[in-house]
Amino acid sequence: MREPPEGTPSPPGAGSGFDRLLEHRSRLMISVLLARYDRLSFSRLKELTGETDGNLGANLRKLEDEGYVACTKEFVARRPLSWYALTERGREALRAHVASLEALIAAARGSQPT
């Protein structure tokens, strides 16, 4: 594989704006789903992502610990129900991450991002 010539500029957005937390497929998918809907239950997120209880729970916890997702719990017919919503901090991180992805894709296509 050839190296780019010395002094070749990096693609627009390369290395900036990418969020390490959102580089994981499951966490990115969760964030996108929560950006689209006001809130989703754990069971609905599990259905939409196809994740196991353990994987989904671990990824939601990481997003929650970073302040990207907020969880509220309630009981319905004596059963616990957890609701998840994207916080403003999570929305901002998702916007920046997606913008960086779009810039990288545009650079790969040889065009400017929209």
PDB file of N, CA and C in Angstrom:
ATOM      1  N   MET A   1       0.845  -1.177   0.000  1.00  0.00           N
ATOM      2  CA  MET A   1       0.000   0.000   0.000  1.00  0.00           C
ATOM      3  C   MET A   1       0.887   1.235   0.000  1.00  0.00           C
ATOM      4  N   ARG A   2       0.590   2.181  -0.869  1.00  0.00           N
ATOM      5  CA  ARG A   2       1.397   3.400  -0.988  1.00  0.00           C
ATOM      6  C   ARG A   2       1.012   4.414   0.075  1.00  0.00           C
ATOM      7  N   GLU A   3       2.005   5.145   0.510  1.00  0.00           N
ATOM      8  CA  GLU A   3       1.790   6.234   1.456  1.00  0.00           C
ATOM      9  C   GLU A   3       1.492   7.501   0.658  1.00  0.00           C
ATOM     10  N   PRO A   4       0.644   8.408   1.211  1.00  0.00           N
ATOM     11  CA  PRO A   4       0.422   9.681   0.517  1.00  0.00           C
ATOM     12  C   PRO A   4       1.699  10.506   0.538  1.00  0.00           C
ATOM     13  N   PRO A   5       1.898  11.356  -0.478  1.00  0.00           N
ATOM     14  CA  PRO A   5       3.096  12.200  -0.512  1.00  0.00           C
ATOM     15  C   PRO A   5       3.172  13.094   0.720  1.00  0.00           C
ATOM     16  N   GLU A   6       4.397  13.424   1.106  1.00  0.00           N
ATOM     17  CA  GLU A   6       4.629  14.311   2.250  1.00  0.00           C
ATOM     18  C   GLU A   6       3.874  15.625   2.034  1.00  0.00           C
ATOM     19  N   GLY A   7       3.217  16.105   3.085  1.00  0.00           N
ATOM     20  CA  GLY A   7       2.503  17.370   2.993  1.00  0.00           C
ATOM     21  C   GLY A   7       1.079  17.241   2.486  1.00  0.00           C
ATOM     22  N   THR A   8       0.615  16.007   2.198  1.00  0.00           N
ATOM     23  CA  THR A   8      -0.763  15.814   1.747  1.00  0.00           C
ATOM     24  C   THR A   8      -1.690  16.138   2.912  1.00  0.00           C
ATOM     25  N   PRO A   9      -2.680  17.020   2.687  1.00  0.00           N
ATOM     26  CA  PRO A   9      -3.575  17.373   3.791  1.00  0.00           C
ATOM     27  C   PRO A   9      -4.474  16.202   4.170  1.00  0.00           C
ATOM     28  N   SER A  10      -4.858  16.170   5.435  1.00  0.00           N
ATOM     29  CA  SER A  10      -5.798  15.161   5.906  1.00  0.00           C
ATOM     30  C   SER A  10      -7.179  15.464   5.343  1.00  0.00           C
ATOM     31  N   PRO A  11      -8.045  14.443   5.228  1.00  0.00           N
ATOM     32  CA  PRO A  11      -9.412  14.696   4.781  1.00  0.00           C
ATOM     33  C   PRO A  11     -10.111  15.654   5.739  1.00  0.00           C
ATOM     34  N   PRO A  12     -11.058  16.442   5.225  1.00  0.00           N
ATOM     35  CA  PRO A  12     -11.791  17.353   6.111  1.00  0.00           C
ATOM     36  C   PRO A  12     -12.417  16.576   7.258  1.00  0.00           C
ATOM     37  N   GLY A  13     -12.237  17.077   8.452  1.00  0.00           N
ATOM     38  CA  GLY A  13     -12.845  16.452   9.620  1.00  0.00           C
ATOM     39  C   GLY A  13     -12.077  15.262  10.159  1.00  0.00           C
ATOM     40  N   ALA A  14     -10.972  14.881   9.503  1.00  0.00           N
ATOM     41  CA  ALA A  14     -10.224  13.712   9.956  1.00  0.00           C
ATOM     42  C   ALA A  14      -9.665  13.961  11.348  1.00  0.00           C
ATOM     43  N   GLY A  15     -10.011  13.097  12.260  1.00  0.00           N
ATOM     44  CA  GLY A  15      -9.494  13.183  13.617  1.00  0.00           C
ATOM     45  C   GLY A  15     -10.212  14.177  14.506  1.00  0.00           C
ATOM     46  N   SER A  16     -11.054  15.006  13.960  1.00  0.00           N
ATOM     47  CA  SER A  16     -11.760  15.971  14.797  1.00  0.00           C
ATOM     48  C   SER A  16     -13.256  15.699  14.736  1.00  0.00           C
ATOM     49  N   GLY A  17     -13.886  15.831  15.860  1.00  0.00           N
ATOM     50  CA  GLY A  17     -15.325  15.645  15.908  1.00  0.00           C
ATOM     51  C   GLY A  17     -15.770  14.212  16.101  1.00  0.00           C
ATOM     52  N   PHE A  18     -14.874  13.247  15.882  1.00  0.00           N
ATOM     53  CA  PHE A  18     -15.255  11.861  16.103  1.00  0.00           C
ATOM     54  C   PHE A  18     -15.320  11.599  17.600  1.00  0.00           C
ATOM     55  N   ASP A  19     -16.319  10.893  18.009  1.00  0.00           N
ATOM     56  CA  ASP A  19     -16.538  10.590  19.413  1.00  0.00           C
ATOM     57  C   ASP A  19     -16.234   9.113  19.631  1.00  0.00           C
ATOM     58  N   ARG A  20     -15.225   8.816  20.446  1.00  0.00           N
ATOM     59  CA  ARG A  20     -14.821   7.423  20.677  1.00  0.00           C
ATOM     60  C   ARG A  20     -15.979   6.580  21.189  1.00  0.00           C
ATOM     61  N   LEU A  21     -16.834   7.160  21.995  1.00  0.00           N
ATOM     62  CA  LEU A  21     -17.968   6.426  22.547  1.00  0.00           C
ATOM     63  C   LEU A  21     -18.954   6.025  21.451  1.00  0.00           C
ATOM     64  N   LEU A  22     -19.112   6.887  20.446  1.00  0.00           N
ATOM     65  CA  LEU A  22     -20.077   6.620  19.377  1.00  0.00           C
ATOM     66  C   LEU A  22     -19.476   5.833  18.218  1.00  0.00           C
ATOM     67  N   GLU A  23     -18.204   5.485  18.307  1.00  0.00           N
ATOM     68  CA  GLU A  23     -17.605   4.662  17.254  1.00  0.00           C
ATOM     69  C   GLU A  23     -18.083   3.219  17.330  1.00  0.00           C
ATOM     70  N   HIS A  24     -18.617   2.820  18.467  1.00  0.00           N
ATOM     71  CA  HIS A  24     -19.160   1.468  18.626  1.00  0.00           C
ATOM     72  C   HIS A  24     -20.523   1.394  17.937  1.00  0.00           C
ATOM     73  N   ARG A  25     -20.694   0.397  17.107  1.00  0.00           N
ATOM     74  CA  ARG A  25     -21.904   0.244  16.295  1.00  0.00           C
ATOM     75  C   ARG A  25     -23.181   0.306  17.140  1.00  0.00           C
ATOM     76  N   SER A  26     -23.214  -0.409  18.234  1.00  0.00           N
ATOM     77  CA  SER A  26     -24.431  -0.461  19.059  1.00  0.00           C
ATOM     78  C   SER A  26     -24.745   0.887  19.685  1.00  0.00           C
ATOM     79  N   ARG A  27     -23.715   1.565  20.207  1.00  0.00           N
ATOM     80  CA  ARG A  27     -23.962   2.864  20.844  1.00  0.00           C
ATOM     81  C   ARG A  27     -24.378   3.913  19.827  1.00  0.00           C
ATOM     82  N   LEU A  28     -23.808   3.843  18.626  1.00  0.00           N
ATOM     83  CA  LEU A  28     -24.224   4.761  17.569  1.00  0.00           C
ATOM     84  C   LEU A  28     -25.682   4.498  17.188  1.00  0.00           C
ATOM     85  N   MET A  29     -26.041   3.225  17.047  1.00  0.00           N
ATOM     86  CA  MET A  29     -27.417   2.872  16.688  1.00  0.00           C
ATOM     87  C   MET A  29     -28.405   3.323  17.768  1.00  0.00           C
ATOM     88  N   ILE A  30     -28.060   3.104  19.018  1.00  0.00           N
ATOM     89  CA  ILE A  30     -28.913   3.534  20.132  1.00  0.00           C
ATOM     90  C   ILE A  30     -29.106   5.048  20.075  1.00  0.00           C
ATOM     91  N   SER A  31     -28.029   5.780  19.880  1.00  0.00           N
ATOM     92  CA  SER A  31     -28.096   7.248  19.844  1.00  0.00           C
ATOM     93  C   SER A  31     -28.945   7.742  18.684  1.00  0.00           C
ATOM     94  N   VAL A  32     -28.793   7.130  17.528  1.00  0.00           N
ATOM     95  CA  VAL A  32     -29.588   7.532  16.360  1.00  0.00           C
ATOM     96  C   VAL A  32     -31.067   7.254  16.613  1.00  0.00           C
ATOM     97  N   LEU A  33     -31.382   6.102  17.168  1.00  0.00           N
ATOM     98  CA  LEU A  33     -32.781   5.775  17.470  1.00  0.00           C
ATOM     99  C   LEU A  33     -33.372   6.757  18.472  1.00  0.00           C
ATOM    100  N   LEU A  34     -32.603   7.069  19.517  1.00  0.00           N
ATOM    101  CA  LEU A  34     -33.107   7.998  20.533  1.00  0.00           C
ATOM    102  C   LEU A  34     -33.185   9.431  20.013  1.00  0.00           C
ATOM    103  N   ALA A  35     -32.386   9.772  19.021  1.00  0.00           N
ATOM    104  CA  ALA A  35     -32.484  11.102  18.413  1.00  0.00           C
ATOM    105  C   ALA A  35     -33.767  11.211  17.595  1.00  0.00           C
ATOM    106  N   ARG A  36     -34.222  10.095  17.082  1.00  0.00           N
ATOM    107  CA  ARG A  36     -35.424  10.090  16.244  1.00  0.00           C
ATOM    108  C   ARG A  36     -36.706  10.094  17.066  1.00  0.00           C
ATOM    109  N   TYR A  37     -36.674   9.463  18.211  1.00  0.00           N
ATOM    110  CA  TYR A  37     -37.855   9.356  19.075  1.00  0.00           C
ATOM    111  C   TYR A  37     -37.582  10.056  20.403  1.00  0.00           C
ATOM    112  N   ASP A  38     -38.620  10.566  21.025  1.00  0.00           N
ATOM    113  CA  ASP A  38     -38.457  11.259  22.306  1.00  0.00           C
ATOM    114  C   ASP A  38     -37.856  10.345  23.359  1.00  0.00           C
ATOM    115  N   ARG A  39     -38.364   9.133  23.430  1.00  0.00           N
ATOM    116  CA  ARG A  39     -37.849   8.146  24.368  1.00  0.00           C
ATOM    117  C   ARG A  39     -38.253   6.757  23.885  1.00  0.00           C
ATOM    118  N   LEU A  40     -37.483   5.775  24.304  1.00  0.00           N
ATOM    119  CA  LEU A  40     -37.777   4.382  23.958  1.00  0.00           C
ATOM    120  C   LEU A  40     -37.557   3.521  25.192  1.00  0.00           C
ATOM    121  N   SER A  41     -38.356   2.472  25.317  1.00  0.00           N
ATOM    122  CA  SER A  41     -38.193   1.548  26.432  1.00  0.00           C
ATOM    123  C   SER A  41     -37.031   0.604  26.141  1.00  0.00           C
ATOM    124  N   PHE A  42     -36.536  -0.024  27.193  1.00  0.00           N
ATOM    125  CA  PHE A  42     -35.453  -0.987  27.045  1.00  0.00           C
ATOM    126  C   PHE A  42     -35.872  -2.097  26.089  1.00  0.00           C
ATOM    127  N   SER A  43     -37.084  -2.600  26.260  1.00  0.00           N
ATOM    128  CA  SER A  43     -37.533  -3.712  25.412  1.00  0.00           C
ATOM    129  C   SER A  43     -37.650  -3.298  23.948  1.00  0.00           C
ATOM    130  N   ARG A  44     -38.079  -2.075  23.687  1.00  0.00           N
ATOM    131  CA  ARG A  44     -38.178  -1.601  22.298  1.00  0.00           C
ATOM    132  C   ARG A  44     -36.779  -1.398  21.698  1.00  0.00           C
ATOM    133  N   LEU A  45     -35.860  -0.856  22.479  1.00  0.00           N
ATOM    134  CA  LEU A  45     -34.477  -0.710  22.010  1.00  0.00           C
ATOM    135  C   LEU A  45     -33.870  -2.083  21.707  1.00  0.00           C
ATOM    136  N   LYS A  46     -34.160  -3.047  22.559  1.00  0.00           N
ATOM    137  CA  LYS A  46     -33.654  -4.402  22.342  1.00  0.00           C
ATOM    138  C   LYS A  46     -34.196  -4.966  21.034  1.00  0.00           C
ATOM    139  N   GLU A  47     -35.464  -4.754  20.792  1.00  0.00           N
ATOM    140  CA  GLU A  47     -36.103  -5.226  19.558  1.00  0.00           C
ATOM    141  C   GLU A  47     -35.500  -4.547  18.323  1.00  0.00           C
ATOM    142  N   LEU A  48     -35.302  -3.244  18.394  1.00  0.00           N
ATOM    143  CA  LEU A  48     -34.810  -2.483  17.244  1.00  0.00           C
ATOM    144  C   LEU A  48     -33.329  -2.715  16.954  1.00  0.00           C
ATOM    145  N   THR A  49     -32.538  -2.946  17.994  1.00  0.00           N
ATOM    146  CA  THR A  49     -31.100  -3.123  17.801  1.00  0.00           C
ATOM    147  C   THR A  49     -30.693  -4.582  17.606  1.00  0.00           C
ATOM    148  N   GLY A  50     -31.518  -5.493  18.093  1.00  0.00           N
ATOM    149  CA  GLY A  50     -31.177  -6.907  18.006  1.00  0.00           C
ATOM    150  C   GLY A  50     -30.108  -7.323  19.002  1.00  0.00           C
ATOM    151  N   GLU A  51     -29.853  -6.491  19.997  1.00  0.00           N
ATOM    152  CA  GLU A  51     -28.840  -6.781  21.019  1.00  0.00           C
ATOM    153  C   GLU A  51     -29.422  -7.682  22.111  1.00  0.00           C
ATOM    154  N   THR A  52     -28.535  -8.377  22.801  1.00  0.00           N
ATOM    155  CA  THR A  52     -28.958  -9.152  23.966  1.00  0.00           C
ATOM    156  C   THR A  52     -29.187  -8.196  25.131  1.00  0.00           C
ATOM    157  N   ASP A  53     -29.864  -8.670  26.168  1.00  0.00           N
ATOM    158  CA  ASP A  53     -30.087  -7.839  27.349  1.00  0.00           C
ATOM    159  C   ASP A  53     -28.773  -7.304  27.903  1.00  0.00           C
ATOM    160  N   GLY A  54     -27.783  -8.199  28.038  1.00  0.00           N
ATOM    161  CA  GLY A  54     -26.497  -7.806  28.612  1.00  0.00           C
ATOM    162  C   GLY A  54     -25.756  -6.781  27.780  1.00  0.00           C
ATOM    163  N   ASN A  55     -25.678  -7.000  26.472  1.00  0.00           N
ATOM    164  CA  ASN A  55     -24.979  -6.057  25.595  1.00  0.00           C
ATOM    165  C   ASN A  55     -25.680  -4.711  25.574  1.00  0.00           C
ATOM    166  N   LEU A  56     -27.000  -4.725  25.438  1.00  0.00           N
ATOM    167  CA  LEU A  56     -27.744  -3.474  25.404  1.00  0.00           C
ATOM    168  C   LEU A  56     -27.589  -2.721  26.712  1.00  0.00           C
ATOM    169  N   GLY A  57     -27.728  -3.433  27.823  1.00  0.00           N
ATOM    170  CA  GLY A  57     -27.582  -2.801  29.131  1.00  0.00           C
ATOM    171  C   GLY A  57     -26.216  -2.177  29.331  1.00  0.00           C
ATOM    172  N   ALA A  58     -25.164  -2.895  28.908  1.00  0.00           N
ATOM    173  CA  ALA A  58     -23.801  -2.380  29.066  1.00  0.00           C
ATOM    174  C   ALA A  58     -23.586  -1.130  28.216  1.00  0.00           C
ATOM    175  N   ASN A  59     -24.086  -1.138  26.985  1.00  0.00           N
ATOM    176  CA  ASN A  59     -23.918   0.025  26.102  1.00  0.00           C
ATOM    177  C   ASN A  59     -24.750   1.212  26.564  1.00  0.00           C
ATOM    178  N   LEU A  60     -25.950   0.952  27.061  1.00  0.00           N
ATOM    179  CA  LEU A  60     -26.768   2.033  27.606  1.00  0.00           C
ATOM    180  C   LEU A  60     -26.092   2.637  28.839  1.00  0.00           C
ATOM    181  N   ARG A  61     -25.490   1.793  29.661  1.00  0.00           N
ATOM    182  CA  ARG A  61     -24.812   2.284  30.858  1.00  0.00           C
ATOM    183  C   ARG A  61     -23.647   3.196  30.487  1.00  0.00           C
ATOM    184  N   LYS A  62     -22.875   2.818  29.468  1.00  0.00           N
ATOM    185  CA  LYS A  62     -21.757   3.658  29.031  1.00  0.00           C
ATOM    186  C   LYS A  62     -22.253   5.013  28.537  1.00  0.00           C
ATOM    187  N   LEU A  63     -23.343   5.009  27.772  1.00  0.00           N
ATOM    188  CA  LEU A  63     -23.920   6.267  27.285  1.00  0.00           C
ATOM    189  C   LEU A  63     -24.470   7.100  28.443  1.00  0.00           C
ATOM    190  N   GLU A  64     -25.076   6.418  29.400  1.00  0.00           N
ATOM    191  CA  GLU A  64     -25.631   7.108  30.566  1.00  0.00           C
ATOM    192  C   GLU A  64     -24.515   7.684  31.438  1.00  0.00           C
ATOM    193  N   ASP A  65     -23.443   6.927  31.648  1.00  0.00           N
ATOM    194  CA  ASP A  65     -22.322   7.399  32.462  1.00  0.00           C
ATOM    195  C   ASP A  65     -21.668   8.639  31.853  1.00  0.00           C
ATOM    196  N   GLU A  66     -21.680   8.738  30.531  1.00  0.00           N
ATOM    197  CA  GLU A  66     -21.090   9.886  29.837  1.00  0.00           C
ATOM    198  C   GLU A  66     -22.058  11.077  29.773  1.00  0.00           C
ATOM    199  N   GLY A  67     -23.303  10.864  30.182  1.00  0.00           N
ATOM    200  CA  GLY A  67     -24.298  11.928  30.165  1.00  0.00           C
ATOM    201  C   GLY A  67     -24.995  12.088  28.822  1.00  0.00           C
ATOM    202  N   TYR A  68     -24.870  11.093  27.946  1.00  0.00           N
ATOM    203  CA  TYR A  68     -25.492  11.154  26.624  1.00  0.00           C
ATOM    204  C   TYR A  68     -26.934  10.664  26.655  1.00  0.00           C
ATOM    205  N   VAL A  69     -27.248   9.821  27.615  1.00  0.00           N
ATOM    206  CA  VAL A  69     -28.569   9.207  27.712  1.00  0.00           C
ATOM    207  C   VAL A  69     -29.065   9.345  29.149  1.00  0.00           C
ATOM    208  N   ALA A  70     -30.354   9.601  29.295  1.00  0.00           N
ATOM    209  CA  ALA A  70     -30.979   9.653  30.616  1.00  0.00           C
ATOM    210  C   ALA A  70     -31.980   8.507  30.711  1.00  0.00           C
ATOM    211  N   CYS A  71     -32.057   7.913  31.887  1.00  0.00           N
ATOM    212  CA  CYS A  71     -32.963   6.791  32.115  1.00  0.00           C
ATOM    213  C   CYS A  71     -33.963   7.162  33.200  1.00  0.00           C
ATOM    214  N   THR A  72     -35.217   6.877  32.946  1.00  0.00           N
ATOM    215  CA  THR A  72     -36.245   7.016  33.975  1.00  0.00           C
ATOM    216  C   THR A  72     -36.914   5.654  34.118  1.00  0.00           C
ATOM    217  N   LYS A  73     -37.281   5.334  35.349  1.00  0.00           N
ATOM    218  CA  LYS A  73     -37.886   4.032  35.626  1.00  0.00           C
ATOM    219  C   LYS A  73     -39.256   4.231  36.234  1.00  0.00           C
ATOM    220  N   GLU A  74     -40.148   3.335  35.865  1.00  0.00           N
ATOM    221  CA  GLU A  74     -41.483   3.344  36.433  1.00  0.00           C
ATOM    222  C   GLU A  74     -41.966   1.905  36.537  1.00  0.00           C
ATOM    223  N   PHE A  75     -43.070   1.736  37.213  1.00  0.00           N
ATOM    224  CA  PHE A  75     -43.664   0.407  37.320  1.00  0.00           C
ATOM    225  C   PHE A  75     -45.006   0.413  36.608  1.00  0.00           C
ATOM    226  N   VAL A  76     -45.224  -0.598  35.796  1.00  0.00           N
ATOM    227  CA  VAL A  76     -46.496  -0.781  35.097  1.00  0.00           C
ATOM    228  C   VAL A  76     -46.964  -2.190  35.424  1.00  0.00           C
ATOM    229  N   ALA A  77     -48.114  -2.279  36.060  1.00  0.00           N
ATOM    230  CA  ALA A  77     -48.657  -3.566  36.495  1.00  0.00           C
ATOM    231  C   ALA A  77     -47.604  -4.340  37.303  1.00  0.00           C
ATOM    232  N   ARG A  78     -46.963  -3.628  38.226  1.00  0.00           N
ATOM    233  CA  ARG A  78     -45.965  -4.196  39.133  1.00  0.00           C
ATOM    234  C   ARG A  78     -44.682  -4.672  38.451  1.00  0.00           C
ATOM    235  N   ARG A  79     -44.490  -4.297  37.206  1.00  0.00           N
ATOM    236  CA  ARG A  79     -43.282  -4.681  36.482  1.00  0.00           C
ATOM    237  C   ARG A  79     -42.466  -3.425  36.189  1.00  0.00           C
ATOM    238  N   PRO A  80     -41.157  -3.507  36.374  1.00  0.00           N
ATOM    239  CA  PRO A  80     -40.317  -2.334  36.100  1.00  0.00           C
ATOM    240  C   PRO A  80     -40.245  -2.048  34.602  1.00  0.00           C
ATOM    241  N   LEU A  81     -40.255  -0.766  34.279  1.00  0.00           N
ATOM    242  CA  LEU A  81     -40.155  -0.328  32.889  1.00  0.00           C
ATOM    243  C   LEU A  81     -39.140   0.812  32.845  1.00  0.00           C
ATOM    244  N   SER A  82     -38.090   0.622  32.045  1.00  0.00           N
ATOM    245  CA  SER A  82     -37.044   1.643  31.916  1.00  0.00           C
ATOM    246  C   SER A  82     -37.202   2.367  30.596  1.00  0.00           C
ATOM    247  N   TRP A  83     -37.200   3.706  30.671  1.00  0.00           N
ATOM    248  CA  TRP A  83     -37.300   4.553  29.490  1.00  0.00           C
ATOM    249  C   TRP A  83     -35.976   5.268  29.291  1.00  0.00           C
ATOM    250  N   TYR A  84     -35.535   5.353  28.054  1.00  0.00           N
ATOM    251  CA  TYR A  84     -34.269   6.010  27.733  1.00  0.00           C
ATOM    252  C   TYR A  84     -34.525   7.156  26.765  1.00  0.00           C
ATOM    253  N   ALA A  85     -33.811   8.253  26.996  1.00  0.00           N
ATOM    254  CA  ALA A  85     -33.917   9.433  26.140  1.00  0.00           C
ATOM    255  C   ALA A  85     -32.523  10.020  25.939  1.00  0.00           C
ATOM    256  N   LEU A  86     -32.302  10.602  24.777  1.00  0.00           N
ATOM    257  CA  LEU A  86     -31.035  11.253  24.478  1.00  0.00           C
ATOM    258  C   LEU A  86     -31.029  12.632  25.140  1.00  0.00           C
ATOM    259  N   THR A  87     -29.962  12.946  25.833  1.00  0.00           N
ATOM    260  CA  THR A  87     -29.831  14.260  26.470  1.00  0.00           C
ATOM    261  C   THR A  87     -29.342  15.271  25.433  1.00  0.00           C
ATOM    262  N   GLU A  88     -29.347  16.536  25.802  1.00  0.00           N
ATOM    263  CA  GLU A  88     -28.823  17.563  24.891  1.00  0.00           C
ATOM    264  C   GLU A  88     -27.342  17.333  24.625  1.00  0.00           C
ATOM    265  N   ARG A  89     -26.619  16.927  25.641  1.00  0.00           N
ATOM    266  CA  ARG A  89     -25.198  16.607  25.455  1.00  0.00           C
ATOM    267  C   ARG A  89     -25.035  15.449  24.464  1.00  0.00           C
ATOM    268  N   GLY A  90     -25.900  14.458  24.558  1.00  0.00           N
ATOM    269  CA  GLY A  90     -25.868  13.331  23.631  1.00  0.00           C
ATOM    270  C   GLY A  90     -26.196  13.755  22.210  1.00  0.00           C
ATOM    271  N   ARG A  91     -27.172  14.655  22.071  1.00  0.00           N
ATOM    272  CA  ARG A  91     -27.538  15.163  20.735  1.00  0.00           C
ATOM    273  C   ARG A  91     -26.373  15.919  20.102  1.00  0.00           C
ATOM    274  N   GLU A  92     -25.708  16.749  20.895  1.00  0.00           N
ATOM    275  CA  GLU A  92     -24.568  17.515  20.376  1.00  0.00           C
ATOM    276  C   GLU A  92     -23.432  16.580  19.957  1.00  0.00           C
ATOM    277  N   ALA A  93     -23.159  15.570  20.767  1.00  0.00           N
ATOM    278  CA  ALA A  93     -22.095  14.609  20.438  1.00  0.00           C
ATOM    279  C   ALA A  93     -22.454  13.839  19.168  1.00  0.00           C
ATOM    280  N   LEU A  94     -23.701  13.447  19.031  1.00  0.00           N
ATOM    281  CA  LEU A  94     -24.139  12.714  17.841  1.00  0.00           C
ATOM    282  C   LEU A  94     -24.034  13.594  16.602  1.00  0.00           C
ATOM    283  N   ARG A  95     -24.467  14.859  16.711  1.00  0.00           N
ATOM    284  CA  ARG A  95     -24.364  15.778  15.565  1.00  0.00           C
ATOM    285  C   ARG A  95     -22.914  15.936  15.112  1.00  0.00           C
ATOM    286  N   ALA A  96     -22.015  16.138  16.063  1.00  0.00           N
ATOM    287  CA  ALA A  96     -20.599  16.323  15.718  1.00  0.00           C
ATOM    288  C   ALA A  96     -20.015  15.050  15.106  1.00  0.00           C
ATOM    289  N   HIS A  97     -20.373  13.909  15.648  1.00  0.00           N
ATOM    290  CA  HIS A  97     -19.861  12.639  15.135  1.00  0.00           C
ATOM    291  C   HIS A  97     -20.363  12.389  13.718  1.00  0.00           C
ATOM    292  N   VAL A  98     -21.648  12.611  13.489  1.00  0.00           N
ATOM    293  CA  VAL A  98     -22.232  12.406  12.154  1.00  0.00           C
ATOM    294  C   VAL A  98     -21.632  13.391  11.155  1.00  0.00           C
ATOM    295  N   ALA A  99     -21.420  14.639  11.565  1.00  0.00           N
ATOM    296  CA  ALA A  99     -20.801  15.627  10.666  1.00  0.00           C
ATOM    297  C   ALA A  99     -19.397  15.187  10.267  1.00  0.00           C
ATOM    298  N   SER A 100     -18.646  14.629  11.205  1.00  0.00           N
ATOM    299  CA  SER A 100     -17.302  14.137  10.888  1.00  0.00           C
ATOM    300  C   SER A 100     -17.364  12.946   9.943  1.00  0.00           C
ATOM    301  N   LEU A 101     -18.336  12.064  10.150  1.00  0.00           N
ATOM    302  CA  LEU A 101     -18.514  10.926   9.241  1.00  0.00           C
ATOM    303  C   LEU A 101     -18.869  11.410   7.837  1.00  0.00           C
ATOM    304  N   GLU A 102     -19.762  12.407   7.757  1.00  0.00           N
ATOM    305  CA  GLU A 102     -20.152  12.950   6.454  1.00  0.00           C
ATOM    306  C   GLU A 102     -18.963  13.589   5.746  1.00  0.00           C
ATOM    307  N   ALA A 103     -18.121  14.309   6.497  1.00  0.00           N
ATOM    308  CA  ALA A 103     -16.938  14.930   5.902  1.00  0.00           C
ATOM    309  C   ALA A 103     -15.961  13.873   5.398  1.00  0.00           C
ATOM    310  N   LEU A 104     -15.805  12.806   6.155  1.00  0.00           N
ATOM    311  CA  LEU A 104     -14.915  11.723   5.747  1.00  0.00           C
ATOM    312  C   LEU A 104     -15.440  11.029   4.495  1.00  0.00           C
ATOM    313  N   ILE A 105     -16.737  10.791   4.436  1.00  0.00           N
ATOM    314  CA  ILE A 105     -17.348  10.170   3.254  1.00  0.00           C
ATOM    315  C   ILE A 105     -17.214  11.081   2.043  1.00  0.00           C
ATOM    316  N   ALA A 106     -17.455  12.378   2.243  1.00  0.00           N
ATOM    317  CA  ALA A 106     -17.314  13.335   1.139  1.00  0.00           C
ATOM    318  C   ALA A 106     -15.880  13.355   0.622  1.00  0.00           C
ATOM    319  N   ALA A 107     -14.905  13.282   1.529  1.00  0.00           N
ATOM    320  CA  ALA A 107     -13.505  13.268   1.108  1.00  0.00           C
ATOM    321  C   ALA A 107     -13.194  12.002   0.311  1.00  0.00           C
ATOM    322  N   ALA A 108     -13.774  10.896   0.718  1.00  0.00           N
ATOM    323  CA  ALA A 108     -13.559   9.627   0.016  1.00  0.00           C
ATOM    324  C   ALA A 108     -14.159   9.685  -1.395  1.00  0.00           C
ATOM    325  N   ARG A 109     -15.229  10.438  -1.521  1.00  0.00           N
ATOM    326  CA  ARG A 109     -15.876  10.591  -2.840  1.00  0.00           C
ATOM    327  C   ARG A 109     -15.268  11.709  -3.648  1.00  0.00           C
ATOM    328  N   GLY A 110     -14.412  12.495  -3.037  1.00  0.00           N
ATOM    329  CA  GLY A 110     -13.786  13.611  -3.735  1.00  0.00           C
ATOM    330  C   GLY A 110     -14.694  14.819  -3.855  1.00  0.00           C
ATOM    331  N   SER A 111     -15.635  14.957  -2.932  1.00  0.00           N
ATOM    332  CA  SER A 111     -16.547  16.094  -2.960  1.00  0.00           C
ATOM    333  C   SER A 111     -16.574  16.767  -1.589  1.00  0.00           C
ATOM    334  N   GLN A 112     -17.292  17.858  -1.508  1.00  0.00           N
ATOM    335  CA  GLN A 112     -17.443  18.578  -0.249  1.00  0.00           C
ATOM    336  C   GLN A 112     -18.723  18.120   0.446  1.00  0.00           C
ATOM    337  N   PRO A 113     -18.726  18.066   1.788  1.00  0.00           N
ATOM    338  CA  PRO A 113     -19.943  17.687   2.506  1.00  0.00           C
ATOM    339  C   PRO A 113     -21.025  18.738   2.326  1.00  0.00           C
ATOM    340  N   THR A 114     -22.262  18.311   2.486  1.00  0.00           N
ATOM    341  CA  THR A 114     -23.388  19.245   2.335  1.00  0.00           C
ATOM    342  C   THR A 114     -23.700  19.931   3.622  1.00  0.00           C
TER     343      THR A 114
END
